[in-house]
Amino acid sequence: MLGLVNVFMIGCGGSAGGVNIWDAVEQNDAAAIKTYSNAGGDLDIRNFGGETPLFLALSSKHFESYKALLKCGADPNFIMSKQRVVTHWAAIEDDPKWLKLALEHEADPNLVNIGSGSPFEGTPFHFAITNSHIDNIKLLIQYGADINKPDHLDCPPVTVATLQNDYEVVLLLLESGADYQNALCGGRPFQEIMDERYLIKNKYFERPEVQQQLKAIQKWMDEHK
């Protein structure tokens, strides 16, 4: 049974130049991956789970494999089954090195993971916003992400961050040019959502750092009326 599970995970194909790409990724063997690529091996081959070697390297946290695959030309924008895309999954990693490397190798910061079922369709930016990864958000902005594109609920990122109480992210988006004046979520303007936040009284909102963030947002908005 264990053997069948392993076959399902890595697939039967994927050999070139005497190298099995799935084994090379699992062993974090960058040299073997280069040999496979130089021999004409398909870097975007999928296993029985619908995953590419690059996705397996990311999910296994095998950075040398991940780096070698991207350097050899693996596609970080490949949309796999279940709407999985390496760029989107890298955008929710705690360590920004995964996303940074993908973006350095032609990852599309505005790619929508078209498909059906979960997760919901969106861009890497939506994934980073929803998971509150500010370093990844900064990277995506740097590489040209559309910071105003609404998510699957038709809510722009600045409203999503506000509803999540991610005020550091809200300020970053405002400073980066987010169109807050036309931002609506559920028919509610951004300003209305922010005004509501100022009225909330609980332990979270009483924290000094949260109060500082709210004041910084208010100051920014006062200066940009």
Protein backbone atom coordinates (compact mmCIF):
# COMPACT_ATOMS: atom_id res chain seq x y z
CA MET A 1 0.00 0.00 0.00
CA LEU A 2 2.83 2.42 0.83
CA GLY A 3 4.28 1.83 -2.62
CA LEU A 4 0.96 2.72 -4.24
CA VAL A 5 0.81 5.94 -2.21
CA ASN A 6 4.30 6.90 -3.34
CA VAL A 7 3.44 6.21 -6.98
CA PHE A 8 0.34 8.39 -6.65
CA MET A 9 2.39 11.22 -5.20
CA ILE A 10 5.30 11.15 -7.65
CA GLY A 11 3.84 9.55 -10.76
CA CYS A 12 5.33 6.98 -13.10
CA GLY A 13 6.97 9.19 -15.75
CA GLY A 14 9.46 12.00 -15.59
CA SER A 15 12.80 10.45 -16.50
CA ALA A 16 15.48 11.93 -18.76
CA GLY A 17 19.26 11.78 -18.80
CA GLY A 18 19.16 8.94 -16.31
CA VAL A 19 17.35 11.14 -13.77
CA ASN A 20 13.86 10.73 -12.35
CA ILE A 21 12.69 14.28 -11.71
CA TRP A 22 10.47 13.31 -8.79
CA ASP A 23 13.35 11.59 -7.01
CA ALA A 24 15.63 14.55 -7.74
CA VAL A 25 13.14 16.99 -6.23
CA GLU A 26 12.59 14.84 -3.15
CA GLN A 27 16.35 14.54 -2.67
CA ASN A 28 16.80 18.31 -3.14
CA ASP A 29 19.37 17.50 -5.83
CA ALA A 30 19.91 20.61 -7.96
CA ALA A 31 22.59 18.96 -10.12
CA ALA A 32 20.29 16.08 -11.03
CA ILE A 33 17.51 18.51 -11.93
CA LYS A 34 19.90 20.34 -14.27
CA THR A 35 20.89 17.03 -15.87
CA TYR A 36 17.22 16.15 -16.38
CA SER A 37 16.53 19.56 -17.93
CA ASN A 38 19.58 19.44 -20.22
CA ALA A 39 18.40 16.04 -21.47
CA GLY A 40 15.09 17.56 -22.54
CA GLY A 41 13.01 16.42 -19.59
CA ASP A 42 9.60 18.03 -19.11
CA LEU A 43 9.92 20.40 -16.16
CA ASP A 44 6.16 20.92 -15.96
CA ILE A 45 5.18 17.25 -15.98
CA ARG A 46 2.41 16.41 -13.52
CA ASN A 47 2.12 13.50 -11.12
CA PHE A 48 -1.08 11.58 -10.45
CA GLY A 49 -2.05 14.24 -7.93
CA GLY A 50 -1.88 16.89 -10.65
CA GLU A 51 1.23 18.54 -9.17
CA THR A 52 4.30 19.76 -11.02
CA PRO A 53 7.85 19.19 -9.73
CA LEU A 54 8.02 22.91 -8.86
CA PHE A 55 4.90 22.67 -6.72
CA LEU A 56 6.26 19.56 -5.03
CA ALA A 57 9.51 21.39 -4.27
CA LEU A 58 7.56 24.28 -2.74
CA SER A 59 5.23 22.11 -0.68
CA SER A 60 8.16 19.97 0.51
CA LYS A 61 10.23 23.09 1.33
CA HIS A 62 13.10 21.84 -0.81
CA PHE A 63 14.56 25.20 -1.74
CA GLU A 64 17.53 23.94 -3.76
CA SER A 65 15.15 21.91 -5.94
CA TYR A 66 12.82 24.88 -6.22
CA LYS A 67 15.64 27.21 -7.23
CA ALA A 68 17.08 24.75 -9.76
CA LEU A 69 13.70 24.11 -11.39
CA LEU A 70 13.02 27.82 -11.83
CA LYS A 71 16.53 28.43 -13.16
CA CYS A 72 16.04 25.63 -15.69
CA GLY A 73 12.72 27.08 -16.87
CA ALA A 74 9.93 25.50 -14.82
CA ASP A 75 6.73 27.55 -15.13
CA PRO A 76 5.55 29.16 -11.85
CA ASN A 77 2.33 30.22 -13.61
CA PHE A 78 1.21 26.70 -14.52
CA ILE A 79 -2.38 26.20 -13.32
CA MET A 80 -2.67 22.69 -11.90
CA SER A 81 -5.74 20.77 -10.83
CA LYS A 82 -7.74 22.27 -7.95
CA GLN A 83 -6.69 25.76 -9.13
CA ARG A 84 -3.25 25.37 -7.60
CA VAL A 85 -0.51 27.70 -8.87
CA VAL A 86 3.01 27.88 -7.46
CA THR A 87 2.98 31.69 -7.47
CA HIS A 88 -0.24 31.80 -5.43
CA TRP A 89 1.00 29.23 -2.92
CA ALA A 90 4.35 31.02 -2.64
CA ALA A 91 2.41 34.21 -1.82
CA ILE A 92 1.11 32.63 1.40
CA GLU A 93 4.44 31.28 2.59
CA ASP A 94 5.82 32.91 5.75
CA ASP A 95 9.27 33.23 4.20
CA PRO A 96 9.18 35.65 1.23
CA LYS A 97 12.14 33.93 -0.45
CA TRP A 98 9.78 31.51 -2.22
CA LEU A 99 7.71 34.26 -3.81
CA LYS A 100 10.73 36.46 -4.54
CA LEU A 101 12.44 33.72 -6.50
CA ALA A 102 9.28 32.92 -8.45
CA LEU A 103 8.80 36.59 -9.34
CA GLU A 104 12.43 36.78 -10.47
CA HIS A 105 11.61 33.95 -12.89
CA GLU A 106 8.58 35.36 -14.69
CA ALA A 107 5.86 34.64 -12.13
CA ASP A 108 2.78 36.69 -13.03
CA PRO A 109 1.61 38.78 -10.02
CA ASN A 110 -1.78 39.30 -11.71
CA LEU A 111 -2.52 35.74 -12.81
CA VAL A 112 -6.00 34.49 -11.85
CA ASN A 113 -6.10 30.80 -10.92
CA ILE A 114 -9.01 30.02 -13.24
CA GLY A 115 -10.92 26.85 -12.44
CA SER A 116 -13.74 25.50 -10.33
CA GLY A 117 -14.11 24.59 -6.68
CA SER A 118 -11.87 25.72 -3.85
CA PRO A 119 -9.77 27.72 -3.38
CA PHE A 120 -11.63 30.68 -4.80
CA GLU A 121 -10.30 32.33 -7.92
CA GLY A 122 -7.92 35.21 -7.36
CA THR A 123 -4.46 36.61 -7.97
CA PRO A 124 -1.34 35.99 -5.87
CA PHE A 125 -2.00 39.44 -4.39
CA HIS A 126 -5.42 38.33 -3.14
CA PHE A 127 -3.85 35.26 -1.56
CA ALA A 128 -1.19 37.37 0.18
CA ILE A 129 -3.79 39.90 1.37
CA THR A 130 -6.13 37.24 2.72
CA ASN A 131 -3.27 35.63 4.64
CA SER A 132 -1.85 38.96 5.88
CA HIS A 133 1.70 38.37 4.61
CA ILE A 134 2.96 41.94 4.35
CA ASP A 135 6.43 41.05 3.04
CA ASN A 136 4.85 39.11 0.18
CA ILE A 137 2.41 41.97 -0.41
CA LYS A 138 5.35 44.37 -0.73
CA LEU A 139 7.07 42.05 -3.19
CA LEU A 140 3.98 41.74 -5.34
CA ILE A 141 3.53 45.52 -5.41
CA GLN A 142 7.18 45.87 -6.42
CA TYR A 143 6.61 43.47 -9.32
CA GLY A 144 3.51 45.22 -10.62
CA ALA A 145 0.53 43.62 -8.90
CA ASP A 146 -2.82 45.33 -9.50
CA ILE A 147 -3.58 46.56 -6.00
CA ASN A 148 -7.13 47.59 -6.89
CA LYS A 149 -8.35 44.39 -8.55
CA PRO A 150 -11.43 43.10 -6.64
CA ASP A 151 -11.46 39.55 -5.30
CA HIS A 152 -14.08 36.85 -5.95
CA LEU A 153 -16.50 38.73 -3.67
CA ASP A 154 -15.91 41.94 -5.64
CA CYS A 155 -14.02 43.51 -2.73
CA PRO A 156 -10.82 45.49 -3.46
CA PRO A 157 -7.76 44.56 -1.37
CA VAL A 158 -7.86 47.76 0.71
CA THR A 159 -11.35 46.87 1.98
CA VAL A 160 -10.38 43.25 2.64
CA ALA A 161 -7.38 44.33 4.71
CA THR A 162 -9.58 46.76 6.65
CA LEU A 163 -12.19 44.12 7.43
CA GLN A 164 -9.37 41.83 8.60
CA ASN A 165 -8.03 44.62 10.85
CA ASP A 166 -4.69 44.49 9.03
CA TYR A 167 -3.97 48.17 9.43
CA GLU A 168 -0.29 47.95 8.59
CA VAL A 169 -1.38 46.49 5.25
CA VAL A 170 -4.10 49.13 4.84
CA LEU A 171 -1.55 51.92 5.28
CA LEU A 172 0.84 50.23 2.85
CA LEU A 173 -1.92 50.00 0.23
CA LEU A 174 -2.90 53.63 0.71
CA GLU A 175 0.71 54.75 0.39
CA SER A 176 1.04 52.58 -2.72
CA GLY A 177 -1.85 54.30 -4.48
CA ALA A 178 -4.88 52.16 -3.69
CA ASP A 179 -8.09 53.74 -5.00
CA TYR A 180 -9.77 53.93 -1.61
CA GLN A 181 -12.27 56.57 -2.71
CA ASN A 182 -13.99 54.14 -5.09
CA ALA A 183 -13.41 50.99 -3.03
CA LEU A 184 -16.61 49.16 -2.09
CA CYS A 185 -17.17 45.83 -0.35
CA GLY A 186 -20.68 44.53 0.03
CA GLY A 187 -21.92 47.93 -1.09
CA ARG A 188 -20.06 49.65 1.75
CA PRO A 189 -17.44 52.33 0.99
CA PHE A 190 -13.95 52.00 2.41
CA GLN A 191 -14.43 55.18 4.45
CA GLU A 192 -17.55 53.76 6.10
CA ILE A 193 -15.73 50.56 7.01
CA MET A 194 -12.82 52.56 8.46
CA ASP A 195 -15.14 54.86 10.43
CA GLU A 196 -16.74 51.78 11.97
CA ARG A 197 -13.30 50.53 13.03
CA TYR A 198 -12.59 53.74 14.94
CA LEU A 199 -15.72 53.15 17.04
CA ILE A 200 -14.94 49.56 18.04
CA LYS A 201 -13.87 49.20 21.65
CA ASN A 202 -12.19 45.97 22.68
CA LYS A 203 -8.83 44.69 23.85
CA TYR A 204 -7.47 44.30 20.32
CA PHE A 205 -8.23 47.87 19.32
CA GLU A 206 -6.86 49.18 22.62
CA ARG A 207 -3.41 47.76 21.90
CA PRO A 208 -0.88 50.62 21.47
CA GLU A 209 0.40 49.36 18.12
CA VAL A 210 -3.14 49.13 16.72
CA GLN A 211 -3.94 52.63 17.94
CA GLN A 212 -0.75 53.90 16.29
CA GLN A 213 -1.68 52.22 13.01
CA LEU A 214 -5.19 53.69 13.08
CA LYS A 215 -3.79 57.15 13.79
CA ALA A 216 -1.32 56.78 10.93
CA ILE A 217 -4.15 55.87 8.55
CA GLN A 218 -6.24 58.80 9.74
CA LYS A 219 -3.28 61.16 9.33
CA TRP A 220 -2.64 59.88 5.82
CA MET A 221 -6.28 60.34 4.84
CA ASP A 222 -6.41 63.84 6.34
CA GLU A 223 -3.34 64.77 4.30
CA HIS A 224 -4.84 63.40 1.09
CA LYS A 225 -8.33 64.87 1.18
